[in-house]
Amino acid sequence: IRPLLSLDIINNGYTKVIVKEWSIALLHNKKLVFTAINVLFGNVSLPQTLEPSTDICLYYSAKDLNHNLKESIKQGLLKPQAKLKFEVRDSLGNIYTVKSEFSAQKWIELTEKM
């Protein structure tokens, strides 16, 4: 068993939505884009089309995220005390955000114990 980060995306609208990418916002208008999306039964690649009232759950390896967060901090692209800001971009360029309750450093500490 390996720990995973998961993100549920729900289309509450009346038209289909195409999910283009999900990422973590970094400093200097940069972002950490999740390209390898690990799911329990194979891989899901983006873009994904969501019809109204449907959802998708995306997964990413906690170990890989831990490594990428450390590298981003080392390169000065992420402050250790900053809360992680996850972003989802759709095909119209709309960006939907949610902030983690944990800082980057706290996430690293928690995932290293797993």
Protein backbone atom coordinates (compact mmCIF):
# COMPACT_ATOMS: atom_id res chain seq x y z
CA ILE A 1 0.00 0.00 0.00
CA ARG A 2 1.32 3.43 -0.86
CA PRO A 3 -0.12 6.77 0.24
CA LEU A 4 -1.75 8.91 -2.43
CA LEU A 5 -2.91 12.49 -2.73
CA SER A 6 -6.42 12.61 -4.15
CA LEU A 7 -8.46 15.38 -5.69
CA ASP A 8 -12.16 15.08 -6.49
CA ILE A 9 -13.44 17.24 -9.33
CA ILE A 10 -17.21 17.58 -9.75
CA ASN A 11 -19.06 19.22 -12.63
CA ASN A 12 -21.98 20.99 -10.95
CA GLY A 13 -22.81 22.95 -14.10
CA TYR A 14 -25.23 22.45 -16.96
CA THR A 15 -22.71 21.84 -19.75
CA LYS A 16 -19.77 19.51 -20.13
CA VAL A 17 -16.39 20.60 -18.79
CA ILE A 18 -12.99 19.51 -20.04
CA VAL A 19 -10.41 19.29 -17.26
CA LYS A 20 -7.05 20.22 -18.82
CA GLU A 21 -4.63 20.15 -15.86
CA TRP A 22 -4.22 20.18 -12.12
CA SER A 23 -1.30 21.76 -10.36
CA ILE A 24 0.08 23.53 -7.30
CA ALA A 25 0.68 27.26 -7.60
CA LEU A 26 4.30 28.29 -6.99
CA LEU A 27 6.03 31.65 -6.70
CA HIS A 28 6.88 33.82 -9.71
CA ASN A 29 3.76 32.70 -11.65
CA LYS A 30 5.09 29.16 -11.94
CA LYS A 31 3.26 25.95 -11.13
CA LEU A 32 3.93 22.34 -10.35
CA VAL A 33 1.81 20.44 -12.87
CA PHE A 34 0.76 16.87 -12.16
CA THR A 35 1.51 14.96 -15.34
CA ALA A 36 1.60 11.36 -14.15
CA ILE A 37 -1.75 10.73 -12.54
CA ASN A 38 -1.69 7.47 -10.65
CA VAL A 39 -5.01 5.78 -10.03
CA LEU A 40 -5.78 2.50 -8.36
CA PHE A 41 -6.53 0.67 -11.62
CA GLY A 42 -4.23 2.13 -14.27
CA ASN A 43 -3.52 5.70 -15.28
CA VAL A 44 -5.84 8.57 -16.09
CA SER A 45 -4.52 11.13 -18.53
CA LEU A 46 -5.77 14.65 -18.92
CA PRO A 47 -7.71 16.16 -20.54
CA GLN A 48 -10.84 14.46 -19.19
CA THR A 49 -14.38 15.41 -20.17
CA LEU A 50 -16.95 15.65 -17.40
CA GLU A 51 -20.62 15.67 -18.30
CA PRO A 52 -22.99 17.60 -15.99
CA SER A 53 -23.39 16.00 -12.55
CA THR A 54 -20.38 13.72 -13.01
CA ASP A 55 -17.05 13.63 -11.24
CA ILE A 56 -13.55 12.26 -11.42
CA CYS A 57 -11.05 11.49 -8.70
CA LEU A 58 -7.40 12.10 -9.57
CA TYR A 59 -4.57 10.56 -7.58
CA TYR A 60 -0.88 11.36 -7.25
CA SER A 61 1.85 9.57 -5.35
CA ALA A 62 2.53 11.21 -1.98
CA LYS A 63 6.19 10.17 -2.29
CA ASP A 64 6.51 11.91 -5.67
CA LEU A 65 4.77 15.02 -4.35
CA ASN A 66 7.08 15.05 -1.34
CA HIS A 67 10.11 15.00 -3.66
CA ASN A 68 8.67 17.73 -5.91
CA LEU A 69 7.84 19.97 -2.94
CA LYS A 70 11.37 19.64 -1.58
CA GLU A 71 12.82 20.54 -5.00
CA SER A 72 10.48 23.53 -5.34
CA ILE A 73 11.52 24.82 -1.91
CA LYS A 74 15.20 24.25 -2.74
CA GLN A 75 14.81 26.23 -5.99
CA GLY A 76 13.07 29.11 -4.18
CA LEU A 77 9.75 28.50 -5.93
CA LEU A 78 7.81 27.61 -2.78
CA LYS A 79 8.00 28.91 0.77
CA PRO A 80 8.06 26.11 3.35
CA GLN A 81 5.37 27.79 5.47
CA ALA A 82 3.06 28.48 2.52
CA LYS A 83 -0.16 26.50 2.39
CA LEU A 84 -0.45 24.45 -0.77
CA LYS A 85 -2.78 26.02 -3.34
CA PHE A 86 -4.17 23.42 -5.72
CA GLU A 87 -5.48 24.58 -9.08
CA VAL A 88 -7.61 22.90 -11.74
CA ARG A 89 -7.77 24.48 -15.21
CA ASP A 90 -10.53 23.76 -17.70
CA SER A 91 -10.64 24.08 -21.47
CA LEU A 92 -12.03 27.64 -21.25
CA GLY A 93 -9.05 28.76 -19.18
CA ASN A 94 -11.04 28.96 -15.94
CA ILE A 95 -8.96 28.15 -12.87
CA TYR A 96 -10.54 26.69 -9.76
CA THR A 97 -8.51 26.75 -6.56
CA VAL A 98 -8.52 25.17 -3.13
CA LYS A 99 -5.97 25.73 -0.37
CA SER A 100 -4.66 22.88 1.72
CA GLU A 101 -4.90 23.16 5.47
CA PHE A 102 -1.22 22.14 5.58
CA SER A 103 1.88 24.07 4.63
CA ALA A 104 4.42 22.59 2.25
CA GLN A 105 6.74 21.80 5.16
CA LYS A 106 3.93 20.15 7.16
CA TRP A 107 2.99 18.05 4.13
CA ILE A 108 6.62 16.91 3.78
CA GLU A 109 6.78 16.01 7.49
CA LEU A 110 3.50 14.07 7.37
CA THR A 111 4.32 12.11 4.23
CA GLU A 112 7.81 11.17 5.42
CA LYS A 113 6.19 9.31 8.32
CA MET A 114 4.10 7.14 5.95
